[in-house]
Structures are given as structure tokens and as C-alpha cells.
Amino acid sequence: MKNFKIVILTLCAVLSLSSCSDDDPEQPVLGKNLWGEVLRGDNMQLQFYPDHFAFYWEYTFDAEANPEIGLIIEGEFPNARFLSYNVYDDEAQTSYCEKGYSLTDVEIEADNGYINTFRQETTERNQKYTIYVLPTDAPDTYVSDKANICWFDADVKKVCTMLRYYIPEGGINGGVEMPRIKAINLTTGKELDAPARIMSGIRGEMELPGAAFTSTDNALFFRAPFSYAYPNGPSEYCYSRNILEENKVIVFNFKAPTYPKTVSEFATADMRYWSVCVGNAETYTPLAISDYQTKIDVNGFANYILADKNAENYAEVKKIANEKGYNILEWDGKAWGEGVMILYRNMLFDENYPHSMRLLDPVGPNVNVMEDPAKYIAVMKLGPWGATGRKITTDEFISCEGNVVLRQQ
């Protein structure tokens, strides 16, 4: 194996918000319109390897021009697999706030008289919550009786609040209206219209770090570092980066975690959500398969094949792959290039999950994985639950009739 020195591109995505009064039906509800236009992981316009099944909104305000201001966000629990709020320093594209800059759905307390539908199933809709986005120097007299606080450091100049929905049903908003955003003066306690939304860095051209794509026969997976680009705290990622030549395929697998089919299974499933996405060298995501779409074999493995549809014998490859129960990822090298980044995402997993990606040391700049490969290579540390694969020619795949050996028997 080669000496891997890998600079990894961490992934994750972005979001938006607004303010005013509901009393006059002739006026727009500005607090619901402040969110920026939805950012979709499936539209090939969002960088840093977003998931196809995630929808992001963002509201960013100038905290330097609006001192002593916090936010009040009033929303309804959507019909979705996952909901979260994160607050970031938009200039740094991350948050270092030690008080806690994120809330996941199960952590959110419902308003009095309402139910958190991520904790308890109910047929009654319009279940409400209130989130507070506050600076770390907010007065204790204001903070002491508040639940659901996301913090930002008091010296942050641009505050970016992001809302994420995964697999929403009933429309991309999960069957509810967008949350309403208001401001509050933390000195006087007076509620105000939220400041005008300013442009977030997520919507501009991001400077991408260097990341070489090289051709290797082994498709080894490594844990991606959690760093910048608006990271989603509950997520972990393993990646394998390679070159997919037109006449070759990448075959890989892992033992599939369980995921919830209903809210009642949230507490017992291995994790809330997992998926496999494939991005290109420009960090867009052309392909993705979510957990509920994945074929799983009799031994509990999810088996995948990544193949270029432009290959001369692709039709035969696809036929065999279907017969063998592979999950087919159909690449278009002419449109997307040869560089491929395969990302296996685990999100909001049980803290006691014995096969957690967090057992792996992340691979970042200046890391030589061969100094201690068992710390870094997924299959060596996680066994069957660690993703691993091989790259072979299309002819080889056809001649072995899809029976590719990936693991020691």
C-alpha cells in the first residue's frame, strides 16, 4: 500500500430565515421569509459533498452592526427523519463556542402544551417549539428561564444560523411552515424585527483545499476530520478517494447499521440515518443512496458497485450487478470527471454503538496512515462494519460474474 498523506474535504451544508407581524393578512410574514433560498444536496449547486437527502436553510445577520441582539425562532416540528439547528461564525465557517452551538430534534423542548414529535408519535399536528440564538455574554436574568439555546461567541461578527431537514415528507418543509425569526434586545428585553439577512459565505465561491485524486486498486476507507465548511455535529463520515477509469469498477461493502422506520424506533436503532454518496473532484455530489433505498443481503451487508455508464460493456456490468443484488452507483465520467470521493455517512448514532466511526482516528493533513494503519483504516478497526472495497476492470467483473471477494473468508 502507498504512503497516504490525505487532505480531506469535510462536508456538510447550509441554510436561511426572517421577521414581522401575522396580524395583517395583507402583509408578508417577514420572519418566515428571512431564510435564504433552500439549498438542496441533490441539485449539483452546493459544494463540499452534501447529501442528496438533506435540505438546508440559512439566515445570517451582522452581529457587529446589531450589538446586544439575540434571536427567537418559533417553529413547528416537521415530518422528517431528522431536524437540527446549528449556529456558526460565518467568517470562519465553523463554531468554537464551548457552550453549545447546536440542537438536534430530540434535544428540543416543545412549547408548553405541545409535543416533540421526534420523541413521541402523535396524530396531532402543529406541534410548536421556540429556539433562542444568543451571544455568550447574554445577561443571566434573560437566560435563566430559557430552554433550547444555541450560543455564539460574543465577538463573532457574522452569525449564521442553519436549519437542516433530512428526508422531509409532505414537501421539502416537512409539511409545516418555515420557522419565524424575531430579534430581542438583550438589554431592554424588547422584541424586534430581525435584522436584514446578509450574504453567507456558504452561498459564495469557497476556496477549496488541495486534494489529489490518485488511482489505487484498493478502495480503503478513512474517517474524515470534523473541521470547517459548516460542519453538522451529529455526523461522522468515512471516505475513499480514487480515480474511476472508464473501463473499471469500484466494488465495496459494509455491514449495514439499523435505522428507524418510525419515531418509536429512534431510541433502539443503531443510528438515525446513514447513506452513501459519491462526489467529484469539484466536491459536488452527483450520486447518493439513502439507508431506506439500500439493498441488504442475507448476511446483513450492503454491497455497492460504482461504474462508469460510458464503458463499452456497461450494459453487461449493470445486468450482472442487478442479478447479484448490488446497489448500483452509475457514474458519468464524461460529465463529472474521473475523480471520485465515496462518502459513507453515519448520523446521530447511539452513544453506545460498538462500531462507531469515532473509534477511528481521522485522517487530515500530514498524516501517514501506514505508521499505524489499524488506527486509520476502517476495515482494520471496525471489521465487517468498516467499509472496504476493490477496483477491478469491467472485464474482470463480468468474468467472475460479480462474485468479487472483498474480505477474508
Protein backbone atom coordinates (compact mmCIF):
# COMPACT_ATOMS: atom_id res chain seq x y z
CA MET A 1 0.00 0.00 0.00
CA LYS A 2 1.08 3.52 -0.63
CA ASN A 3 2.03 6.21 1.83
CA PHE A 4 -1.20 8.14 2.15
CA LYS A 5 -0.97 11.82 3.01
CA ILE A 6 -4.51 13.00 2.61
CA VAL A 7 -6.04 16.40 2.87
CA ILE A 8 -9.75 15.70 3.31
CA LEU A 9 -12.63 17.92 2.37
CA THR A 10 -15.19 17.91 5.14
CA LEU A 11 -18.72 18.06 4.05
CA CYS A 12 -21.91 19.37 5.17
CA ALA A 13 -24.13 22.04 4.08
CA VAL A 14 -26.18 25.28 4.73
CA LEU A 15 -29.47 27.28 5.37
CA SER A 16 -31.82 30.54 5.85
CA LEU A 17 -34.52 32.96 7.89
CA SER A 18 -36.92 36.25 8.51
CA SER A 19 -39.40 38.71 10.65
CA CYS A 20 -42.68 40.81 11.15
CA SER A 21 -46.36 40.55 12.22
CA ASP A 22 -49.03 37.93 11.48
CA ASP A 23 -51.87 40.33 12.32
CA ASP A 24 -52.32 41.96 8.91
CA PRO A 25 -53.13 39.32 6.27
CA GLU A 26 -52.15 41.80 3.54
CA GLN A 27 -48.54 41.89 4.77
CA PRO A 28 -45.96 39.13 4.27
CA VAL A 29 -44.81 37.33 7.39
CA LEU A 30 -41.25 38.61 7.14
CA GLY A 31 -39.99 36.44 9.95
CA LYS A 32 -40.70 33.37 7.83
CA ASN A 33 -39.18 34.88 4.70
CA LEU A 34 -35.78 35.77 6.09
CA TRP A 35 -34.39 32.34 5.39
CA GLY A 36 -32.33 32.19 2.23
CA GLU A 37 -33.49 30.09 -0.68
CA VAL A 38 -33.34 26.41 0.14
CA LEU A 39 -30.05 24.71 -0.55
CA ARG A 40 -30.59 21.18 -1.81
CA GLY A 41 -28.00 18.47 -1.69
CA ASP A 42 -29.37 16.95 -4.90
CA ASN A 43 -29.11 19.90 -7.27
CA MET A 44 -25.35 19.88 -8.03
CA GLN A 45 -25.02 23.52 -6.99
CA LEU A 46 -23.83 23.01 -3.42
CA GLN A 47 -20.20 22.23 -2.69
CA PHE A 48 -18.45 20.16 -0.02
CA TYR A 49 -20.20 16.86 -0.76
CA PRO A 50 -23.74 17.45 0.53
CA ASP A 51 -26.15 14.55 0.97
CA HIS A 52 -28.90 14.29 -1.66
CA PHE A 53 -31.50 13.72 1.04
CA ALA A 54 -30.74 16.88 3.04
CA PHE A 55 -32.32 20.32 2.69
CA TYR A 56 -30.65 23.38 4.20
CA TRP A 57 -31.73 26.90 5.01
CA GLU A 58 -29.58 29.74 6.35
CA TYR A 59 -30.12 33.10 8.00
CA THR A 60 -27.05 35.24 8.58
CA PHE A 61 -27.01 38.64 10.29
CA ASP A 62 -24.41 41.29 11.01
CA ALA A 63 -23.82 40.97 14.76
CA GLU A 64 -21.21 43.74 14.74
CA ALA A 65 -23.81 46.21 13.42
CA ASN A 66 -26.51 44.82 15.71
CA PRO A 67 -24.96 44.53 19.20
CA GLU A 68 -27.00 43.31 22.16
CA ILE A 69 -29.24 41.35 19.81
CA GLY A 70 -30.34 37.72 20.12
CA LEU A 71 -32.79 35.73 18.03
CA ILE A 72 -36.07 34.00 18.81
CA ILE A 73 -37.06 31.28 16.32
CA GLU A 74 -40.62 29.95 16.53
CA GLY A 75 -41.29 26.81 14.55
CA GLU A 76 -43.25 23.59 14.24
CA PHE A 77 -41.77 20.10 14.31
CA PRO A 78 -41.69 18.84 10.70
CA ASN A 79 -42.45 15.40 9.36
CA ALA A 80 -38.84 14.43 8.65
CA ARG A 81 -36.24 11.84 9.59
CA PHE A 82 -34.02 14.48 11.19
CA LEU A 83 -34.03 18.15 12.18
CA SER A 84 -31.21 20.27 13.58
CA TYR A 85 -30.18 23.85 14.25
CA ASN A 86 -26.55 24.96 14.18
CA VAL A 87 -25.07 28.41 14.75
CA TYR A 88 -21.74 29.34 13.17
CA ASP A 89 -19.19 32.10 12.91
CA ASP A 90 -19.83 32.72 9.24
CA GLU A 91 -16.36 34.14 8.60
CA ALA A 92 -14.68 31.00 9.99
CA GLN A 93 -17.39 28.66 8.60
CA THR A 94 -17.49 26.82 11.90
CA SER A 95 -18.11 27.33 15.61
CA TYR A 96 -15.80 27.02 18.56
CA CYS A 97 -18.39 28.05 21.13
CA GLU A 98 -17.95 25.82 24.18
CA LYS A 99 -21.45 26.49 25.50
CA GLY A 100 -23.08 24.53 22.68
CA TYR A 101 -23.88 25.81 19.23
CA SER A 102 -26.30 23.13 18.03
CA LEU A 103 -29.58 21.44 18.89
CA THR A 104 -30.83 18.18 17.40
CA ASP A 105 -34.51 17.37 17.19
CA VAL A 106 -34.72 15.11 20.26
CA GLU A 107 -32.97 17.77 22.36
CA ILE A 108 -35.56 20.45 21.62
CA GLU A 109 -38.17 21.06 24.31
CA ALA A 110 -41.64 21.63 22.89
CA ASP A 111 -43.59 24.72 23.91
CA ASN A 112 -45.96 24.32 26.86
CA GLY A 113 -48.93 22.17 25.88
CA TYR A 114 -47.22 20.76 22.77
CA ILE A 115 -45.34 17.54 21.95
CA ASN A 116 -41.91 17.00 20.47
CA THR A 117 -42.85 14.65 17.63
CA PHE A 118 -39.29 13.32 17.45
CA ARG A 119 -39.73 11.93 20.96
CA GLN A 120 -43.35 10.86 20.83
CA GLU A 121 -45.59 9.87 17.94
CA THR A 122 -48.89 11.73 17.70
CA THR A 123 -51.59 12.29 15.12
CA GLU A 124 -51.97 15.91 16.24
CA ARG A 125 -50.03 18.32 14.05
CA ASN A 126 -48.82 21.89 14.58
CA GLN A 127 -46.57 20.91 17.45
CA LYS A 128 -44.56 24.03 18.32
CA TYR A 129 -41.14 24.90 19.71
CA THR A 130 -39.06 28.02 20.40
CA ILE A 131 -35.30 28.28 19.84
CA TYR A 132 -33.07 31.07 21.16
CA VAL A 133 -29.84 32.12 19.42
CA LEU A 134 -27.84 34.11 21.96
CA PRO A 135 -24.36 35.57 22.48
CA THR A 136 -22.30 34.05 25.27
CA ASP A 137 -22.45 37.33 27.23
CA ALA A 138 -26.27 37.43 27.30
CA PRO A 139 -27.49 38.53 30.78
CA ASP A 140 -28.24 35.66 33.17
CA THR A 141 -31.54 37.32 34.03
CA TYR A 142 -32.67 36.71 30.47
CA VAL A 143 -31.10 33.29 30.01
CA SER A 144 -32.01 31.52 33.26
CA ASP A 145 -35.56 30.53 32.31
CA LYS A 146 -34.89 29.67 28.65
CA ALA A 147 -34.76 26.22 27.11
CA ASN A 148 -33.41 25.44 23.63
CA ILE A 149 -30.46 27.85 23.42
CA CYS A 150 -27.88 27.85 20.62
CA TRP A 151 -24.91 30.04 21.50
CA PHE A 152 -22.46 32.14 19.54
CA ASP A 153 -19.29 33.73 20.88
CA ALA A 154 -19.85 37.37 21.76
CA ASP A 155 -17.09 38.58 19.44
CA VAL A 156 -18.46 36.91 16.30
CA LYS A 157 -19.14 39.48 13.57
CA LYS A 158 -21.39 37.45 11.26
CA VAL A 159 -23.77 34.96 12.89
CA CYS A 160 -25.08 32.20 10.64
CA THR A 161 -28.00 30.05 11.81
CA MET A 162 -28.60 26.88 9.82
CA LEU A 163 -31.65 24.65 9.72
CA ARG A 164 -31.37 21.13 8.33
CA TYR A 165 -34.11 18.67 7.39
CA TYR A 166 -33.27 15.14 6.24
CA ILE A 167 -35.84 13.15 4.25
CA PRO A 168 -38.75 15.54 4.81
CA GLU A 169 -42.24 14.35 3.86
CA GLY A 170 -45.13 16.50 2.72
CA GLY A 171 -42.80 18.79 0.77
CA ILE A 172 -39.29 19.98 1.47
CA ASN A 173 -40.58 21.85 4.56
CA GLY A 174 -41.81 18.61 6.11
CA GLY A 175 -45.45 19.68 5.90
CA VAL A 176 -45.06 22.77 8.11
CA GLU A 177 -44.38 26.46 7.53
CA MET A 178 -40.87 27.82 7.78
CA PRO A 179 -39.95 28.90 11.31
CA ARG A 180 -40.45 32.56 12.15
CA ILE A 181 -37.44 34.63 13.23
CA LYS A 182 -37.59 37.59 15.58
CA ALA A 183 -34.91 39.56 17.39
CA ILE A 184 -34.72 40.55 21.02
CA ASN A 185 -32.78 43.40 22.58
CA LEU A 186 -30.94 41.70 25.43
CA THR A 187 -30.64 44.94 27.38
CA THR A 188 -34.28 46.05 27.28
CA GLY A 189 -35.94 42.69 26.66
CA LYS A 190 -37.94 44.23 23.82
CA GLU A 191 -38.79 42.01 20.83
CA LEU A 192 -37.91 43.48 17.44
CA ASP A 193 -37.94 42.63 13.77
CA ALA A 194 -34.88 40.55 12.98
CA PRO A 195 -32.01 42.33 11.21
CA ALA A 196 -31.89 42.12 7.45
CA ARG A 197 -30.30 38.94 6.19
CA ILE A 198 -26.79 39.35 4.78
CA MET A 199 -24.92 37.07 2.41
CA SER A 200 -23.44 33.95 3.97
CA GLY A 201 -20.11 32.52 2.84
CA ILE A 202 -21.88 29.28 2.01
CA ARG A 203 -23.50 30.99 -0.99
CA GLY A 204 -20.28 32.36 -2.41
CA GLU A 205 -17.36 30.72 -4.14
CA MET A 206 -15.49 28.77 -1.48
CA GLU A 207 -11.78 28.26 -1.63
CA LEU A 208 -11.20 24.52 -1.78
CA PRO A 209 -8.17 22.96 -0.14
CA GLY A 210 -5.84 20.87 -2.26
CA ALA A 211 -6.82 17.22 -2.57
CA ALA A 212 -5.13 14.95 -5.07
CA PHE A 213 -7.08 12.08 -6.62
CA THR A 214 -4.88 9.09 -7.43
CA SER A 215 -5.65 5.68 -8.89
CA THR A 216 -5.40 2.76 -6.45
CA ASP A 217 -6.57 -0.86 -6.67
CA ASN A 218 -7.63 -0.99 -3.02
CA ALA A 219 -10.60 1.16 -2.10
CA LEU A 220 -9.73 1.78 1.54
CA PHE A 221 -11.94 3.97 3.72
CA PHE A 222 -10.77 6.51 6.29
CA ARG A 223 -12.54 8.75 8.78
CA ALA A 224 -12.86 12.35 7.61
CA PRO A 225 -11.83 15.09 10.05
CA PHE A 226 -14.55 17.28 11.54
CA SER A 227 -13.43 20.81 10.86
CA TYR A 228 -14.82 23.64 8.76
CA ALA A 229 -17.38 24.22 5.99
CA TYR A 230 -20.30 24.49 8.43
CA PRO A 231 -19.95 21.00 9.98
CA ASN A 232 -23.01 19.06 11.10
CA GLY A 233 -22.16 17.97 14.63
CA PRO A 234 -24.12 14.69 14.80
CA SER A 235 -22.47 13.31 11.65
CA GLU A 236 -19.41 11.17 11.01
CA TYR A 237 -18.01 10.23 7.62
CA CYS A 238 -15.72 7.62 6.15
CA TYR A 239 -14.36 8.30 2.69
CA SER A 240 -12.46 6.61 -0.10
CA ARG A 241 -10.92 8.75 -2.81
CA ASN A 242 -9.89 7.28 -6.16
CA ILE A 243 -9.79 7.61 -9.94
CA LEU A 244 -12.52 5.72 -11.77
CA GLU A 245 -11.28 4.88 -15.22
CA GLU A 246 -13.98 4.24 -17.82
CA ASN A 247 -13.16 0.52 -18.12
CA LYS A 248 -13.08 -0.14 -14.37
CA VAL A 249 -15.50 -0.50 -11.47
CA ILE A 250 -15.18 0.02 -7.73
CA VAL A 251 -16.91 -2.63 -5.62
CA PHE A 252 -17.27 -2.03 -1.87
CA ASN A 253 -19.41 -3.08 1.08
CA PHE A 254 -20.02 -2.85 4.82
CA LYS A 255 -22.34 -4.45 7.33
CA ALA A 256 -25.36 -2.19 7.44
CA PRO A 257 -26.44 -0.44 10.65
CA THR A 258 -30.11 -0.40 11.59
CA TYR A 259 -32.13 2.80 11.11
CA PRO A 260 -35.60 3.77 12.39
CA LYS A 261 -38.72 3.22 10.33
CA THR A 262 -40.88 5.01 12.91
CA VAL A 263 -40.33 7.52 15.73
CA SER A 264 -40.75 4.71 18.25
CA GLU A 265 -37.54 3.13 16.85
CA PHE A 266 -35.42 6.27 17.29
CA ALA A 267 -34.16 5.06 20.67
CA THR A 268 -33.36 1.49 19.58
CA ALA A 269 -31.89 1.86 16.07
CA ASP A 270 -28.12 1.93 15.67
CA MET A 271 -28.40 5.43 14.25
CA ARG A 272 -30.94 7.89 12.91
CA TYR A 273 -29.67 7.93 9.35
CA TRP A 274 -26.96 6.65 7.05
CA SER A 275 -26.21 6.96 3.36
CA VAL A 276 -23.61 6.52 0.64
CA CYS A 277 -22.85 9.49 -1.61
CA VAL A 278 -20.34 9.88 -4.43
CA GLY A 279 -18.80 13.27 -5.20
CA ASN A 280 -16.42 14.51 -7.84
CA ALA A 281 -13.18 16.47 -7.67
CA GLU A 282 -15.10 19.77 -7.55
CA THR A 283 -16.87 18.49 -4.36
CA TYR A 284 -20.36 18.30 -5.88
CA THR A 285 -22.45 15.18 -5.25
CA PRO A 286 -23.88 13.56 -8.39
CA LEU A 287 -24.96 10.26 -6.77
CA ALA A 288 -26.44 9.08 -3.48
CA ILE A 289 -28.33 6.13 -1.99
CA SER A 290 -30.04 6.52 1.37
CA ASP A 291 -30.48 3.81 4.00
CA TYR A 292 -34.13 3.09 3.18
CA GLN A 293 -33.27 2.66 -0.53
CA THR A 294 -30.39 0.25 0.10
CA LYS A 295 -30.49 -3.44 -0.78
CA ILE A 296 -29.08 -5.54 2.08
CA ASP A 297 -28.06 -9.15 1.55
CA VAL A 298 -28.87 -12.19 3.71
CA ASN A 299 -25.68 -11.66 5.73
CA GLY A 300 -26.55 -8.06 6.56
CA PHE A 301 -24.13 -6.45 4.08
CA ALA A 302 -24.84 -3.50 1.82
CA ASN A 303 -22.95 -4.18 -1.43
CA TYR A 304 -22.23 -1.39 -3.93
CA ILE A 305 -20.75 -1.06 -7.38
CA LEU A 306 -19.60 2.27 -8.81
CA ALA A 307 -19.30 2.05 -12.59
CA ASP A 308 -18.99 4.49 -15.47
CA LYS A 309 -22.01 4.26 -17.74
CA ASN A 310 -19.81 5.19 -20.71
CA ALA A 311 -17.89 1.92 -20.54
CA GLU A 312 -18.25 -0.18 -23.69
CA ASN A 313 -19.58 -3.19 -21.76
CA TYR A 314 -21.52 -1.26 -19.11
CA ALA A 315 -24.85 -2.90 -20.04
CA GLU A 316 -23.44 -6.33 -19.15
CA VAL A 317 -21.89 -4.99 -15.93
CA LYS A 318 -25.24 -3.50 -14.90
CA LYS A 319 -27.13 -6.70 -15.74
CA ILE A 320 -24.85 -8.83 -13.55
CA ALA A 321 -24.85 -6.25 -10.77
CA ASN A 322 -28.65 -6.27 -10.68
CA GLU A 323 -28.75 -10.06 -10.63
CA LYS A 324 -26.29 -10.16 -7.71
CA GLY A 325 -28.21 -7.57 -5.68
CA TYR A 326 -25.67 -4.77 -5.84
CA ASN A 327 -26.63 -1.18 -5.11
CA ILE A 328 -25.64 0.44 -8.40
CA LEU A 329 -24.00 3.87 -8.47
CA GLU A 330 -23.99 4.92 -12.12
CA TRP A 331 -21.18 7.38 -12.76
CA ASP A 332 -20.80 9.65 -15.80
CA GLY A 333 -17.10 10.27 -16.21
CA LYS A 334 -17.60 12.44 -19.28
CA ALA A 335 -19.78 14.87 -17.34
CA TRP A 336 -18.33 14.59 -13.84
CA GLY A 337 -14.69 13.64 -14.37
CA GLU A 338 -12.66 10.64 -13.25
CA GLY A 339 -12.02 11.74 -9.64
CA VAL A 340 -14.48 10.10 -7.22
CA MET A 341 -14.99 10.63 -3.50
CA ILE A 342 -17.11 7.89 -1.92
CA LEU A 343 -18.63 9.06 1.36
CA TYR A 344 -20.28 6.74 3.84
CA ARG A 345 -22.25 8.93 6.29
CA ASN A 346 -23.45 7.96 9.79
CA MET A 347 -25.65 10.45 11.63
CA LEU A 348 -26.83 10.74 15.21
CA PHE A 349 -25.81 7.26 16.27
CA ASP A 350 -26.36 5.68 19.65
CA GLU A 351 -23.54 6.70 22.01
CA ASN A 352 -23.02 3.02 22.81
CA TYR A 353 -22.94 1.90 19.18
CA PRO A 354 -19.98 -0.52 19.21
CA HIS A 355 -18.99 0.08 15.57
CA SER A 356 -18.84 3.87 15.66
CA MET A 357 -16.60 5.66 13.17
CA ARG A 358 -15.30 7.62 16.14
CA LEU A 359 -13.22 4.59 17.05
CA LEU A 360 -11.06 5.58 14.07
CA ASP A 361 -8.52 8.39 14.17
CA PRO A 362 -9.41 10.97 11.50
CA VAL A 363 -7.08 11.44 8.55
CA GLY A 364 -6.06 15.00 7.82
CA PRO A 365 -3.04 16.90 6.51
CA ASN A 366 0.38 15.41 7.20
CA VAL A 367 -0.99 12.08 8.46
CA ASN A 368 0.85 8.94 7.41
CA VAL A 369 -1.68 6.16 7.87
CA MET A 370 0.95 3.46 7.43
CA GLU A 371 2.66 4.43 10.68
CA ASP A 372 -0.23 2.70 12.47
CA PRO A 373 -2.80 1.54 9.88
CA ALA A 374 -5.09 -0.11 12.43
CA LYS A 375 -5.87 3.35 13.81
CA TYR A 376 -6.96 4.76 10.47
CA ILE A 377 -8.23 2.09 8.07
CA ALA A 378 -11.94 1.42 8.60
CA VAL A 379 -11.95 -2.31 7.86
CA MET A 380 -8.99 -2.94 10.19
CA LYS A 381 -10.61 -1.16 13.13
CA LEU A 382 -14.31 -1.84 12.60
CA GLY A 383 -14.23 -5.27 10.96
CA PRO A 384 -17.37 -6.12 8.95
CA TRP A 385 -18.88 -2.71 9.80
CA GLY A 386 -15.93 -0.90 8.26
CA ALA A 387 -16.38 -0.10 4.58
CA THR A 388 -13.79 -1.54 2.22
CA GLY A 389 -13.51 -2.28 -1.50
CA ARG A 390 -11.51 -3.06 -4.64
CA LYS A 391 -11.15 -1.60 -8.08
CA ILE A 392 -11.14 -4.07 -10.97
CA THR A 393 -11.76 -3.93 -14.71
CA THR A 394 -15.21 -4.29 -16.17
CA ASP A 395 -13.99 -7.45 -17.93
CA GLU A 396 -12.90 -8.95 -14.60
CA PHE A 397 -16.26 -8.14 -13.04
CA ILE A 398 -18.06 -9.84 -15.91
CA SER A 399 -15.78 -12.88 -15.97
CA CYS A 400 -16.24 -13.56 -12.24
CA GLU A 401 -19.99 -12.95 -12.65
CA GLY A 402 -19.96 -10.29 -9.96
CA ASN A 403 -18.53 -12.56 -7.27
CA VAL A 404 -15.88 -10.13 -6.05
CA VAL A 405 -14.12 -11.11 -2.82
CA LEU A 406 -13.63 -8.05 -0.60
CA ARG A 407 -12.91 -9.63 2.78
CA GLN A 408 -11.06 -12.61 4.15
CA GLN A 409 -13.31 -15.64 4.27
